[in-house]
Structures are given as structure tokens and as C-alpha cells.
N, C-alpha and C. Protein backbone atom coordinates (compact mmCIF):
# COMPACT_ATOMS: atom_id res chain seq x y z
N MET A 1 -26.72 -19.82 16.45
CA MET A 1 -26.97 -19.39 15.08
C MET A 1 -26.72 -17.90 14.96
N GLU A 2 -26.11 -17.51 13.88
CA GLU A 2 -25.77 -16.10 13.64
C GLU A 2 -27.01 -15.29 13.30
N ASN A 3 -27.09 -14.10 13.85
CA ASN A 3 -28.20 -13.19 13.56
C ASN A 3 -27.79 -12.32 12.37
N ILE A 4 -28.32 -12.60 11.19
CA ILE A 4 -27.92 -11.86 10.00
C ILE A 4 -28.42 -10.41 10.02
N LEU A 5 -29.36 -10.11 10.88
CA LEU A 5 -29.86 -8.74 10.95
C LEU A 5 -28.83 -7.77 11.53
N ASP A 6 -27.80 -8.29 12.19
CA ASP A 6 -26.76 -7.45 12.78
C ASP A 6 -25.53 -7.31 11.89
N LEU A 7 -25.54 -7.93 10.70
CA LEU A 7 -24.39 -7.84 9.81
C LEU A 7 -24.26 -6.43 9.25
N LYS A 8 -23.02 -5.95 9.18
CA LYS A 8 -22.73 -4.63 8.64
C LYS A 8 -21.86 -4.79 7.40
N VAL A 9 -21.74 -3.73 6.64
CA VAL A 9 -20.87 -3.74 5.47
C VAL A 9 -19.43 -3.79 5.95
N GLY A 10 -18.67 -4.73 5.42
CA GLY A 10 -17.28 -4.89 5.83
C GLY A 10 -16.34 -4.03 5.00
N THR A 11 -15.08 -4.20 5.26
CA THR A 11 -14.05 -3.48 4.53
C THR A 11 -12.95 -4.44 4.14
N MET A 12 -12.27 -4.14 3.07
CA MET A 12 -11.14 -4.96 2.65
C MET A 12 -9.85 -4.43 3.25
N SER A 13 -9.93 -3.26 3.89
CA SER A 13 -8.74 -2.66 4.49
C SER A 13 -8.41 -3.37 5.80
N ARG A 14 -7.14 -3.31 6.16
CA ARG A 14 -6.70 -3.89 7.42
C ARG A 14 -5.56 -3.06 7.98
N ALA A 15 -5.41 -3.10 9.28
CA ALA A 15 -4.34 -2.36 9.94
C ALA A 15 -3.12 -3.24 10.10
N GLY A 16 -1.97 -2.59 10.21
CA GLY A 16 -0.73 -3.32 10.44
C GLY A 16 0.32 -2.38 10.99
N VAL A 17 1.45 -2.95 11.36
CA VAL A 17 2.58 -2.18 11.89
C VAL A 17 3.80 -2.49 11.04
N VAL A 18 4.52 -1.43 10.62
CA VAL A 18 5.72 -1.61 9.82
C VAL A 18 6.82 -2.19 10.70
N LEU A 19 7.34 -3.35 10.31
CA LEU A 19 8.41 -4.01 11.05
C LEU A 19 9.78 -3.71 10.47
N GLU A 20 9.83 -3.58 9.14
CA GLU A 20 11.12 -3.45 8.46
C GLU A 20 10.95 -2.65 7.18
N VAL A 21 11.97 -1.89 6.83
CA VAL A 21 12.03 -1.16 5.56
C VAL A 21 13.33 -1.53 4.88
N SER A 22 13.24 -1.93 3.61
CA SER A 22 14.44 -2.27 2.85
C SER A 22 14.29 -1.73 1.43
N VAL A 23 15.36 -1.84 0.68
CA VAL A 23 15.34 -1.44 -0.72
C VAL A 23 15.88 -2.60 -1.54
N GLU A 24 15.15 -2.95 -2.59
CA GLU A 24 15.56 -4.03 -3.49
C GLU A 24 15.55 -3.53 -4.92
N GLN A 25 16.39 -4.12 -5.74
CA GLN A 25 16.38 -3.81 -7.17
C GLN A 25 15.25 -4.61 -7.82
N ARG A 26 14.34 -3.91 -8.47
CA ARG A 26 13.22 -4.56 -9.16
C ARG A 26 13.12 -3.99 -10.58
N ARG A 27 12.53 -4.72 -11.47
CA ARG A 27 12.34 -4.22 -12.83
C ARG A 27 11.12 -3.29 -12.87
N ASP A 28 11.32 -2.11 -13.45
CA ASP A 28 10.22 -1.16 -13.58
C ASP A 28 9.44 -1.47 -14.85
N GLY A 29 8.48 -0.62 -15.20
CA GLY A 29 7.63 -0.85 -16.36
C GLY A 29 8.39 -0.93 -17.67
N ALA A 30 9.56 -0.30 -17.72
CA ALA A 30 10.38 -0.32 -18.93
C ALA A 30 11.37 -1.49 -18.93
N GLY A 31 11.35 -2.30 -17.88
CA GLY A 31 12.25 -3.44 -17.79
C GLY A 31 13.61 -3.10 -17.20
N LYS A 32 13.80 -1.87 -16.77
CA LYS A 32 15.06 -1.42 -16.20
C LYS A 32 15.09 -1.73 -14.70
N LEU A 33 16.24 -2.20 -14.19
CA LEU A 33 16.38 -2.43 -12.75
C LEU A 33 16.43 -1.08 -12.04
N SER A 34 15.58 -0.92 -11.05
CA SER A 34 15.51 0.32 -10.28
C SER A 34 15.28 -0.01 -8.82
N PRO A 35 15.72 0.87 -7.91
CA PRO A 35 15.51 0.61 -6.48
C PRO A 35 14.05 0.83 -6.07
N LYS A 36 13.54 -0.12 -5.31
CA LYS A 36 12.15 -0.05 -4.84
C LYS A 36 12.12 -0.28 -3.34
N VAL A 37 11.37 0.55 -2.64
CA VAL A 37 11.22 0.42 -1.19
C VAL A 37 10.27 -0.74 -0.91
N ILE A 38 10.68 -1.60 0.01
CA ILE A 38 9.88 -2.76 0.41
C ILE A 38 9.60 -2.64 1.90
N LEU A 39 8.32 -2.67 2.26
CA LEU A 39 7.91 -2.62 3.66
C LEU A 39 7.47 -4.01 4.10
N THR A 40 7.94 -4.45 5.24
CA THR A 40 7.43 -5.66 5.86
C THR A 40 6.48 -5.20 6.95
N VAL A 41 5.22 -5.59 6.82
CA VAL A 41 4.17 -5.12 7.72
C VAL A 41 3.52 -6.32 8.39
N GLU A 42 3.39 -6.25 9.71
CA GLU A 42 2.67 -7.30 10.45
C GLU A 42 1.23 -6.86 10.60
N GLY A 43 0.32 -7.68 10.07
CA GLY A 43 -1.10 -7.38 10.14
C GLY A 43 -1.70 -7.74 11.48
N GLU A 44 -2.94 -7.33 11.68
CA GLU A 44 -3.66 -7.66 12.91
C GLU A 44 -3.77 -9.17 13.10
N ASP A 45 -3.72 -9.89 11.99
CA ASP A 45 -3.81 -11.35 12.03
C ASP A 45 -2.46 -12.01 12.33
N LYS A 46 -1.43 -11.17 12.63
CA LYS A 46 -0.07 -11.61 12.97
C LYS A 46 0.70 -12.18 11.77
N LEU A 47 0.11 -12.09 10.57
CA LEU A 47 0.83 -12.50 9.37
C LEU A 47 1.70 -11.34 8.91
N LYS A 48 2.79 -11.66 8.23
CA LYS A 48 3.69 -10.62 7.70
C LYS A 48 3.41 -10.44 6.21
N TYR A 49 3.26 -9.20 5.82
CA TYR A 49 2.97 -8.85 4.43
C TYR A 49 4.11 -8.03 3.86
N ILE A 50 4.46 -8.32 2.61
CA ILE A 50 5.48 -7.56 1.89
C ILE A 50 4.72 -6.55 1.03
N VAL A 51 5.02 -5.26 1.24
CA VAL A 51 4.30 -4.18 0.58
C VAL A 51 5.29 -3.35 -0.24
N ASP A 52 5.00 -3.19 -1.53
CA ASP A 52 5.88 -2.41 -2.39
C ASP A 52 5.15 -1.35 -3.20
N SER A 53 3.94 -1.00 -2.76
CA SER A 53 3.17 0.03 -3.45
C SER A 53 2.25 0.74 -2.48
N ALA A 54 1.67 1.84 -2.94
CA ALA A 54 0.81 2.66 -2.08
C ALA A 54 -0.40 3.15 -2.87
N TRP A 55 -1.52 3.26 -2.17
CA TRP A 55 -2.71 3.92 -2.72
C TRP A 55 -2.53 5.41 -2.46
N VAL A 56 -2.52 6.19 -3.53
CA VAL A 56 -2.36 7.64 -3.42
C VAL A 56 -3.50 8.35 -4.12
N GLU A 57 -3.72 9.60 -3.74
CA GLU A 57 -4.78 10.40 -4.35
C GLU A 57 -4.16 11.26 -5.44
N ARG A 58 -4.79 11.26 -6.59
CA ARG A 58 -4.37 12.09 -7.71
C ARG A 58 -5.50 13.04 -8.05
N SER A 59 -5.21 14.33 -8.12
CA SER A 59 -6.27 15.32 -8.36
C SER A 59 -6.99 15.01 -9.67
N GLY A 60 -8.30 14.96 -9.57
CA GLY A 60 -9.12 14.68 -10.73
C GLY A 60 -9.18 13.22 -11.14
N LYS A 61 -8.38 12.37 -10.53
CA LYS A 61 -8.34 10.95 -10.91
C LYS A 61 -8.79 10.01 -9.80
N GLY A 62 -9.09 10.53 -8.62
CA GLY A 62 -9.41 9.66 -7.50
C GLY A 62 -8.14 9.02 -6.96
N SER A 63 -8.22 7.78 -6.54
CA SER A 63 -7.04 7.11 -5.99
C SER A 63 -6.50 6.10 -6.99
N GLU A 64 -5.20 5.84 -6.86
CA GLU A 64 -4.57 4.84 -7.70
C GLU A 64 -3.39 4.23 -6.96
N SER A 65 -3.04 3.03 -7.36
CA SER A 65 -1.91 2.33 -6.75
C SER A 65 -0.64 2.70 -7.51
N ARG A 66 0.40 3.08 -6.75
CA ARG A 66 1.69 3.45 -7.33
C ARG A 66 2.80 2.69 -6.63
N GLY A 67 3.82 2.31 -7.37
CA GLY A 67 4.97 1.62 -6.80
C GLY A 67 5.80 2.52 -5.91
N LEU A 68 6.44 1.93 -4.91
CA LEU A 68 7.30 2.68 -3.99
C LEU A 68 8.72 2.76 -4.55
N TRP A 69 8.87 3.32 -5.75
CA TRP A 69 10.17 3.47 -6.38
C TRP A 69 10.96 4.53 -5.65
N LEU A 70 12.21 4.22 -5.36
CA LEU A 70 13.07 5.16 -4.64
C LEU A 70 13.69 6.14 -5.63
N ARG A 71 13.04 7.27 -5.81
CA ARG A 71 13.51 8.32 -6.70
C ARG A 71 14.25 9.35 -5.86
N ARG A 72 15.40 9.81 -6.35
CA ARG A 72 16.22 10.75 -5.59
C ARG A 72 16.36 12.08 -6.32
N ASP A 73 16.53 13.14 -5.53
CA ASP A 73 16.76 14.46 -6.10
C ASP A 73 18.25 14.68 -6.37
N PHE A 74 18.62 15.88 -6.77
CA PHE A 74 20.01 16.15 -7.14
C PHE A 74 20.96 16.07 -5.95
N ASN A 75 20.44 16.11 -4.71
CA ASN A 75 21.26 15.97 -3.50
C ASN A 75 21.30 14.53 -2.99
N GLY A 76 20.64 13.62 -3.69
CA GLY A 76 20.61 12.22 -3.26
C GLY A 76 19.53 11.92 -2.24
N GLN A 77 18.67 12.90 -1.95
CA GLN A 77 17.58 12.70 -1.00
C GLN A 77 16.34 12.18 -1.74
N ILE A 78 15.33 11.75 -1.00
CA ILE A 78 14.08 11.25 -1.60
C ILE A 78 13.41 12.39 -2.36
N LEU A 79 13.06 12.14 -3.61
CA LEU A 79 12.43 13.16 -4.44
C LEU A 79 11.10 13.60 -3.82
N HIS A 80 10.93 14.90 -3.66
CA HIS A 80 9.77 15.49 -2.99
C HIS A 80 8.44 15.07 -3.60
N THR A 81 8.40 14.85 -4.90
CA THR A 81 7.16 14.52 -5.60
C THR A 81 6.91 13.02 -5.75
N SER A 82 7.77 12.19 -5.17
CA SER A 82 7.64 10.75 -5.34
C SER A 82 6.57 10.15 -4.43
N THR A 83 6.16 8.95 -4.78
CA THR A 83 5.20 8.22 -3.96
C THR A 83 5.78 7.93 -2.57
N VAL A 84 7.07 7.62 -2.50
CA VAL A 84 7.70 7.37 -1.21
C VAL A 84 7.60 8.63 -0.33
N ALA A 85 7.82 9.80 -0.91
CA ALA A 85 7.69 11.05 -0.15
C ALA A 85 6.26 11.25 0.35
N GLU A 86 5.27 10.88 -0.46
CA GLU A 86 3.87 10.99 -0.03
C GLU A 86 3.61 10.08 1.17
N VAL A 87 4.17 8.88 1.15
CA VAL A 87 4.01 7.96 2.28
C VAL A 87 4.61 8.57 3.54
N LEU A 88 5.82 9.11 3.43
CA LEU A 88 6.48 9.71 4.60
C LEU A 88 5.67 10.88 5.15
N ARG A 89 5.22 11.77 4.27
CA ARG A 89 4.43 12.93 4.72
C ARG A 89 3.14 12.48 5.39
N HIS A 90 2.46 11.49 4.80
CA HIS A 90 1.19 11.00 5.35
C HIS A 90 1.36 10.48 6.77
N HIS A 91 2.51 9.89 7.05
CA HIS A 91 2.77 9.32 8.37
C HIS A 91 3.61 10.23 9.25
N SER A 92 3.80 11.48 8.81
CA SER A 92 4.50 12.52 9.58
C SER A 92 5.89 12.09 10.02
N VAL A 93 6.63 11.49 9.09
CA VAL A 93 8.03 11.12 9.36
C VAL A 93 8.89 11.69 8.23
N ASP A 94 10.16 11.88 8.52
CA ASP A 94 11.08 12.47 7.55
C ASP A 94 11.97 11.45 6.85
N THR A 95 12.08 10.25 7.43
CA THR A 95 12.98 9.24 6.89
C THR A 95 12.26 7.90 6.76
N LEU A 96 12.81 7.02 5.94
CA LEU A 96 12.24 5.69 5.80
C LEU A 96 12.28 4.94 7.13
N GLY A 97 13.35 5.13 7.90
CA GLY A 97 13.45 4.49 9.21
C GLY A 97 12.35 4.93 10.16
N GLY A 98 11.82 6.14 9.95
CA GLY A 98 10.73 6.65 10.79
C GLY A 98 9.44 5.87 10.63
N LEU A 99 9.33 5.09 9.57
CA LEU A 99 8.12 4.28 9.37
C LEU A 99 8.09 3.05 10.26
N ILE A 100 9.26 2.60 10.72
CA ILE A 100 9.32 1.39 11.55
C ILE A 100 8.56 1.63 12.86
N GLY A 101 7.65 0.73 13.16
CA GLY A 101 6.82 0.84 14.35
C GLY A 101 5.53 1.63 14.14
N ARG A 102 5.37 2.24 12.97
CA ARG A 102 4.16 3.02 12.68
C ARG A 102 3.01 2.11 12.30
N GLU A 103 1.82 2.46 12.78
CA GLU A 103 0.62 1.75 12.35
C GLU A 103 0.21 2.29 11.00
N VAL A 104 -0.11 1.38 10.08
CA VAL A 104 -0.49 1.75 8.73
C VAL A 104 -1.77 1.01 8.35
N THR A 105 -2.42 1.52 7.32
CA THR A 105 -3.59 0.85 6.76
C THR A 105 -3.19 0.25 5.43
N LEU A 106 -3.60 -1.00 5.22
CA LEU A 106 -3.33 -1.71 3.97
C LEU A 106 -4.64 -2.00 3.27
N HIS A 107 -4.61 -1.94 1.94
CA HIS A 107 -5.81 -2.24 1.14
C HIS A 107 -5.35 -2.97 -0.12
N PRO A 108 -6.07 -4.01 -0.54
CA PRO A 108 -5.64 -4.78 -1.70
C PRO A 108 -5.76 -4.00 -3.01
N LYS A 109 -4.81 -4.27 -3.90
CA LYS A 109 -4.87 -3.75 -5.26
C LYS A 109 -5.73 -4.71 -6.09
N HIS A 110 -5.90 -4.42 -7.37
CA HIS A 110 -6.73 -5.25 -8.23
C HIS A 110 -6.20 -6.68 -8.33
N ASN A 111 -4.89 -6.89 -8.10
CA ASN A 111 -4.32 -8.23 -8.20
C ASN A 111 -4.34 -8.98 -6.86
N GLY A 112 -4.89 -8.34 -5.82
CA GLY A 112 -5.00 -8.98 -4.51
C GLY A 112 -3.85 -8.68 -3.58
N PHE A 113 -2.72 -8.17 -4.10
CA PHE A 113 -1.60 -7.81 -3.23
C PHE A 113 -1.93 -6.53 -2.48
N LEU A 114 -1.42 -6.43 -1.26
CA LEU A 114 -1.74 -5.27 -0.41
C LEU A 114 -0.84 -4.08 -0.72
N ALA A 115 -1.42 -2.88 -0.59
CA ALA A 115 -0.68 -1.63 -0.73
C ALA A 115 -0.99 -0.77 0.48
N ILE A 116 -0.02 0.06 0.88
CA ILE A 116 -0.22 0.97 2.00
C ILE A 116 -1.13 2.11 1.55
N VAL A 117 -2.03 2.56 2.41
CA VAL A 117 -2.98 3.61 2.05
C VAL A 117 -2.46 4.95 2.54
N VAL A 118 -2.37 5.92 1.61
CA VAL A 118 -1.96 7.28 1.97
C VAL A 118 -2.92 8.30 1.36
N THR A 119 -4.19 7.95 1.34
CA THR A 119 -5.22 8.82 0.78
C THR A 119 -6.49 8.69 1.59
N ASN A 120 -7.28 9.75 1.57
CA ASN A 120 -8.60 9.70 2.19
C ASN A 120 -9.68 9.46 1.16
N ALA A 121 -9.28 9.42 -0.12
CA ALA A 121 -10.24 9.19 -1.20
C ALA A 121 -10.71 7.74 -1.17
N GLU A 122 -11.88 7.51 -1.71
CA GLU A 122 -12.40 6.15 -1.78
C GLU A 122 -11.51 5.32 -2.69
N ILE A 123 -11.21 4.12 -2.27
CA ILE A 123 -10.35 3.23 -3.05
C ILE A 123 -11.24 2.23 -3.76
N THR A 124 -11.13 2.22 -5.07
CA THR A 124 -11.91 1.28 -5.87
C THR A 124 -10.99 0.62 -6.88
N PRO A 125 -10.28 -0.43 -6.46
CA PRO A 125 -9.37 -1.10 -7.38
C PRO A 125 -10.12 -1.73 -8.54
N ARG A 126 -9.44 -1.78 -9.69
CA ARG A 126 -10.02 -2.49 -10.83
C ARG A 126 -10.17 -3.95 -10.44
N LYS A 127 -11.20 -4.56 -10.92
CA LYS A 127 -11.44 -5.97 -10.60
C LYS A 127 -10.63 -6.85 -11.55
N ALA A 128 -9.79 -7.67 -11.00
CA ALA A 128 -9.02 -8.62 -11.81
C ALA A 128 -9.93 -9.76 -12.22
N LYS A 129 -9.69 -10.29 -13.38
CA LYS A 129 -10.51 -11.39 -13.87
C LYS A 129 -10.47 -12.56 -12.90
N GLY A 130 -11.65 -12.99 -12.46
CA GLY A 130 -11.74 -14.14 -11.57
C GLY A 130 -11.55 -13.83 -10.11
N VAL A 131 -11.22 -12.59 -9.76
CA VAL A 131 -10.99 -12.23 -8.36
C VAL A 131 -12.28 -11.68 -7.77
N GLY A 132 -12.73 -12.24 -6.70
CA GLY A 132 -13.91 -11.73 -6.00
C GLY A 132 -15.21 -11.96 -6.73
N SER A 133 -15.25 -12.86 -7.69
CA SER A 133 -16.46 -13.04 -8.46
C SER A 133 -17.44 -14.00 -7.80
N ASN A 134 -16.98 -14.83 -6.90
CA ASN A 134 -17.87 -15.79 -6.25
C ASN A 134 -17.88 -15.57 -4.75
N PRO A 135 -19.07 -15.55 -4.15
CA PRO A 135 -19.13 -15.44 -2.68
C PRO A 135 -18.63 -16.73 -2.05
N PRO A 136 -18.23 -16.66 -0.76
CA PRO A 136 -17.80 -17.89 -0.08
C PRO A 136 -18.91 -18.93 -0.09
N ASN A 137 -18.53 -20.18 -0.16
CA ASN A 137 -19.47 -21.32 -0.13
C ASN A 137 -20.42 -21.32 -1.31
N ALA A 138 -20.04 -20.67 -2.40
CA ALA A 138 -20.94 -20.64 -3.57
C ALA A 138 -20.78 -21.88 -4.39
């Protein structure tokens, strides 16, 4: 029988390793096709997760989930202020290929899909209707 006195507060975050980085055309908020970085991450549970967004810290706003849109500067390089650039800096790499083999932390967004974490701020996703409202075996 389980000793409930030893239970600790859990986390929704999980670790994983980036296996692959690709770019796909996806529709942005305006409905326009734009390039988006897609990470294939193998979790500790050996499942593969497709990740296309990141938890980032915004001054005065806490953390928020942002898409990994591939924005380029006038030289065709990754835009310095983009979410993709924040991911690269957080993991101390200069290129998207540098992420392959890196250990990353994943945390679910309000819709349950996982996003890579690139912030030390507390992550508090909005609760989606019907998500997480019932405990197991309820």
C-alpha cells in the first residue's frame, strides 16, 4: 500500500532530447503561410513529441507561449529578437542544428500540447475548458 504521507507536489514539466529540427509551412494568426521551426523531442518516457512553440519570459508579463516562427533579418539569418533566437541563446547554441542532441525541458500549454521552456519564470498556462478539471479515478 502506498504511503500518502510521502507524496510531494509534482510537476507537469518533463525532460527530453531534441532528435530532429525541421521547418514546415504553417498558417500564422493572419492565415498566411509562414515557415515554422518544428522540433522532434524524445521524452524520458521514450515517446516522440512534436514541438512548435516555446515558453518565454516577457518583462512585466510573466511567461507566455510563443510559436517558433522562423523570422529572418535583412541578411537572411535568424532575427535576433525572435522566439527561435531566444531558444538558441537559452541553450547556448548559434544554429538550429546545434539543438540536436540537447536536453530540453517541455511544459504543456493551455491546450495540452508541449512547448519548450526557455524561461525561469513560473509557467501558469491558461486552463482550457475541460482540461485538468477532474482528478484521476474521479
